[in-house]
Amino acid sequence: MEKVFYNFISNSIKFSKSGGEVSVSLSLRGDSFVLIKIKDNGKGISKSTYLIFSIDFIKLKVQTLANLKEPELD
């Protein structure tokens, strides 16, 4: 995940307009999730590329949830 966020932030900086701004925000969503937003003033991501990112994140989330184990009670 670190590499994914690094790439998003790096690309935001790389493709922002001169004198632009990149912002990163985090907010809690319930007890188990964090919403991370990376925003810039660049040209943005095409809809088809955005869809690929969304599908990859959904797969990652499903795989992560599938690998979680119930906590063991002592």
N, C-alpha and C. Protein backbone atom coordinates (compact mmCIF):
# COMPACT_ATOMS: atom_id res chain seq x y z
N MET A 1 0.82 -1.19 0.00
CA MET A 1 0.00 0.00 0.00
C MET A 1 0.87 1.26 0.00
N GLU A 2 2.00 1.18 0.68
CA GLU A 2 2.87 2.35 0.74
C GLU A 2 3.28 2.79 -0.67
N LYS A 3 3.61 1.81 -1.51
CA LYS A 3 4.04 2.12 -2.87
C LYS A 3 2.90 2.74 -3.68
N VAL A 4 1.69 2.26 -3.48
CA VAL A 4 0.52 2.80 -4.18
C VAL A 4 0.34 4.27 -3.83
N PHE A 5 0.36 4.58 -2.54
CA PHE A 5 0.18 5.98 -2.12
C PHE A 5 1.34 6.85 -2.57
N TYR A 6 2.54 6.31 -2.51
CA TYR A 6 3.70 7.06 -2.99
C TYR A 6 3.52 7.43 -4.46
N ASN A 7 3.08 6.45 -5.26
CA ASN A 7 2.88 6.70 -6.69
C ASN A 7 1.79 7.73 -6.94
N PHE A 8 0.68 7.64 -6.22
CA PHE A 8 -0.39 8.63 -6.40
C PHE A 8 0.09 10.03 -6.05
N ILE A 9 0.76 10.16 -4.92
CA ILE A 9 1.23 11.49 -4.49
C ILE A 9 2.31 11.99 -5.44
N SER A 10 3.22 11.12 -5.82
CA SER A 10 4.28 11.49 -6.75
C SER A 10 3.71 11.96 -8.09
N ASN A 11 2.72 11.25 -8.61
CA ASN A 11 2.09 11.65 -9.87
C ASN A 11 1.32 12.95 -9.72
N SER A 12 0.70 13.16 -8.56
CA SER A 12 -0.01 14.42 -8.32
C SER A 12 0.95 15.60 -8.40
N ILE A 13 2.11 15.43 -7.80
CA ILE A 13 3.12 16.50 -7.84
C ILE A 13 3.65 16.67 -9.27
N LYS A 14 3.95 15.57 -9.91
CA LYS A 14 4.54 15.59 -11.25
C LYS A 14 3.62 16.24 -12.28
N PHE A 15 2.31 15.98 -12.20
CA PHE A 15 1.39 16.44 -13.24
C PHE A 15 0.58 17.67 -12.84
N SER A 16 0.87 18.25 -11.68
CA SER A 16 0.19 19.48 -11.28
C SER A 16 0.71 20.65 -12.10
N LYS A 17 -0.15 21.64 -12.25
CA LYS A 17 0.25 22.84 -12.97
C LYS A 17 1.31 23.58 -12.16
N SER A 18 2.09 24.41 -12.84
CA SER A 18 3.12 25.20 -12.18
C SER A 18 2.50 26.04 -11.06
N GLY A 19 3.09 25.99 -9.88
CA GLY A 19 2.55 26.72 -8.73
C GLY A 19 1.31 26.07 -8.16
N GLY A 20 1.04 24.84 -8.58
CA GLY A 20 -0.17 24.14 -8.14
C GLY A 20 -0.09 23.67 -6.70
N GLU A 21 -1.14 23.00 -6.31
CA GLU A 21 -1.25 22.52 -4.93
C GLU A 21 -1.67 21.06 -4.92
N VAL A 22 -1.07 20.29 -4.04
CA VAL A 22 -1.45 18.90 -3.83
C VAL A 22 -1.86 18.76 -2.37
N SER A 23 -3.03 18.18 -2.15
CA SER A 23 -3.47 18.00 -0.76
C SER A 23 -3.80 16.52 -0.52
N VAL A 24 -3.50 16.08 0.68
CA VAL A 24 -3.79 14.71 1.10
C VAL A 24 -4.60 14.82 2.38
N SER A 25 -5.74 14.15 2.40
CA SER A 25 -6.56 14.18 3.62
C SER A 25 -6.97 12.76 3.99
N LEU A 26 -7.13 12.55 5.27
CA LEU A 26 -7.55 11.26 5.80
C LEU A 26 -8.74 11.47 6.72
N SER A 27 -9.71 10.57 6.64
CA SER A 27 -10.83 10.64 7.58
C SER A 27 -11.30 9.22 7.90
N LEU A 28 -11.73 9.04 9.12
CA LEU A 28 -12.22 7.74 9.57
C LEU A 28 -13.61 7.48 9.01
N ARG A 29 -13.84 6.25 8.59
CA ARG A 29 -15.15 5.81 8.11
C ARG A 29 -15.51 4.59 8.94
N GLY A 30 -16.27 4.81 9.98
CA GLY A 30 -16.62 3.71 10.86
C GLY A 30 -15.43 3.33 11.73
N ASP A 31 -15.47 2.10 12.22
CA ASP A 31 -14.41 1.63 13.12
C ASP A 31 -13.23 1.01 12.38
N SER A 32 -13.42 0.65 11.11
CA SER A 32 -12.42 -0.16 10.44
C SER A 32 -11.81 0.42 9.18
N PHE A 33 -12.30 1.57 8.72
CA PHE A 33 -11.84 2.07 7.43
C PHE A 33 -11.38 3.51 7.52
N VAL A 34 -10.44 3.83 6.65
CA VAL A 34 -9.94 5.20 6.52
C VAL A 34 -10.12 5.61 5.06
N LEU A 35 -10.68 6.80 4.85
CA LEU A 35 -10.82 7.35 3.51
C LEU A 35 -9.64 8.28 3.27
N ILE A 36 -8.89 8.03 2.22
CA ILE A 36 -7.72 8.84 1.89
C ILE A 36 -7.99 9.54 0.57
N LYS A 37 -7.88 10.86 0.57
CA LYS A 37 -8.10 11.65 -0.65
C LYS A 37 -6.80 12.35 -1.03
N ILE A 38 -6.44 12.23 -2.29
CA ILE A 38 -5.28 12.93 -2.84
C ILE A 38 -5.81 13.81 -3.95
N LYS A 39 -5.63 15.10 -3.80
CA LYS A 39 -6.23 16.05 -4.74
C LYS A 39 -5.16 17.00 -5.27
N ASP A 40 -5.24 17.30 -6.57
CA ASP A 40 -4.31 18.25 -7.17
C ASP A 40 -5.05 19.05 -8.24
N ASN A 41 -4.34 19.96 -8.88
CA ASN A 41 -4.97 20.77 -9.93
C ASN A 41 -4.46 20.38 -11.31
N GLY A 42 -4.02 19.13 -11.45
CA GLY A 42 -3.55 18.63 -12.74
C GLY A 42 -4.71 18.27 -13.65
N LYS A 43 -4.39 17.66 -14.79
CA LYS A 43 -5.43 17.36 -15.78
C LYS A 43 -6.32 16.20 -15.36
N GLY A 44 -5.92 15.44 -14.38
CA GLY A 44 -6.76 14.35 -13.87
C GLY A 44 -6.49 13.03 -14.57
N ILE A 45 -7.26 12.04 -14.16
CA ILE A 45 -7.13 10.68 -14.67
C ILE A 45 -8.32 10.42 -15.59
N SER A 46 -8.08 9.78 -16.72
CA SER A 46 -9.19 9.47 -17.64
C SER A 46 -10.17 8.53 -16.95
N LYS A 47 -11.41 8.54 -17.42
CA LYS A 47 -12.44 7.68 -16.82
C LYS A 47 -12.07 6.21 -16.92
N SER A 48 -11.49 5.80 -18.05
CA SER A 48 -11.12 4.39 -18.21
C SER A 48 -10.01 3.99 -17.24
N THR A 49 -9.03 4.86 -17.05
CA THR A 49 -7.95 4.58 -16.10
C THR A 49 -8.48 4.57 -14.68
N TYR A 50 -9.37 5.51 -14.36
CA TYR A 50 -9.98 5.56 -13.03
C TYR A 50 -10.73 4.27 -12.74
N LEU A 51 -11.43 3.75 -13.74
CA LEU A 51 -12.16 2.50 -13.56
C LEU A 51 -11.21 1.35 -13.25
N ILE A 52 -10.08 1.30 -13.93
CA ILE A 52 -9.08 0.25 -13.67
C ILE A 52 -8.57 0.36 -12.23
N PHE A 53 -8.25 1.59 -11.77
CA PHE A 53 -7.81 1.79 -10.39
C PHE A 53 -8.88 1.31 -9.41
N SER A 54 -10.13 1.66 -9.68
CA SER A 54 -11.23 1.29 -8.79
C SER A 54 -11.36 -0.22 -8.69
N ILE A 55 -11.30 -0.90 -9.82
CA ILE A 55 -11.41 -2.36 -9.82
C ILE A 55 -10.25 -2.98 -9.06
N ASP A 56 -9.03 -2.48 -9.27
CA ASP A 56 -7.87 -3.01 -8.55
C ASP A 56 -8.00 -2.82 -7.05
N PHE A 57 -8.51 -1.66 -6.61
CA PHE A 57 -8.68 -1.43 -5.18
C PHE A 57 -9.76 -2.33 -4.60
N ILE A 58 -10.82 -2.56 -5.35
CA ILE A 58 -11.87 -3.47 -4.87
C ILE A 58 -11.30 -4.87 -4.70
N LYS A 59 -10.51 -5.34 -5.68
CA LYS A 59 -9.88 -6.66 -5.57
C LYS A 59 -8.97 -6.72 -4.35
N LEU A 60 -8.18 -5.67 -4.14
CA LEU A 60 -7.27 -5.62 -3.00
C LEU A 60 -8.05 -5.68 -1.70
N LYS A 61 -9.15 -4.93 -1.63
CA LYS A 61 -9.97 -4.91 -0.41
C LYS A 61 -10.56 -6.29 -0.15
N VAL A 62 -11.08 -6.94 -1.18
CA VAL A 62 -11.67 -8.27 -1.02
C VAL A 62 -10.60 -9.27 -0.57
N GLN A 63 -9.42 -9.23 -1.18
CA GLN A 63 -8.34 -10.14 -0.79
C GLN A 63 -7.91 -9.89 0.65
N THR A 64 -7.81 -8.62 1.02
CA THR A 64 -7.40 -8.28 2.39
C THR A 64 -8.43 -8.78 3.39
N LEU A 65 -9.71 -8.56 3.11
CA LEU A 65 -10.76 -9.01 4.02
C LEU A 65 -10.79 -10.53 4.09
N ALA A 66 -10.54 -11.21 2.98
CA ALA A 66 -10.56 -12.67 2.97
C ALA A 66 -9.42 -13.25 3.80
N ASN A 67 -8.32 -12.52 3.91
CA ASN A 67 -7.16 -13.01 4.66
C ASN A 67 -7.22 -12.69 6.15
N LEU A 68 -8.18 -11.89 6.55
CA LEU A 68 -8.30 -11.57 7.97
C LEU A 68 -8.81 -12.78 8.73
N LYS A 69 -8.28 -12.99 9.89
CA LYS A 69 -8.73 -14.10 10.72
C LYS A 69 -9.46 -13.53 11.92
N GLU A 70 -10.40 -14.31 12.38
CA GLU A 70 -11.11 -13.92 13.59
C GLU A 70 -10.12 -13.92 14.76
N PRO A 71 -10.22 -12.93 15.64
CA PRO A 71 -9.31 -12.93 16.80
C PRO A 71 -9.58 -14.15 17.68
N GLU A 72 -8.51 -14.70 18.18
CA GLU A 72 -8.65 -15.85 19.07
C GLU A 72 -8.90 -15.37 20.49
N LEU A 73 -9.84 -16.01 21.12
CA LEU A 73 -10.14 -15.68 22.51
C LEU A 73 -9.33 -16.58 23.42
N ASP A 74 -8.75 -15.99 24.44
CA ASP A 74 -7.96 -16.78 25.40
C ASP A 74 -8.85 -17.40 26.43
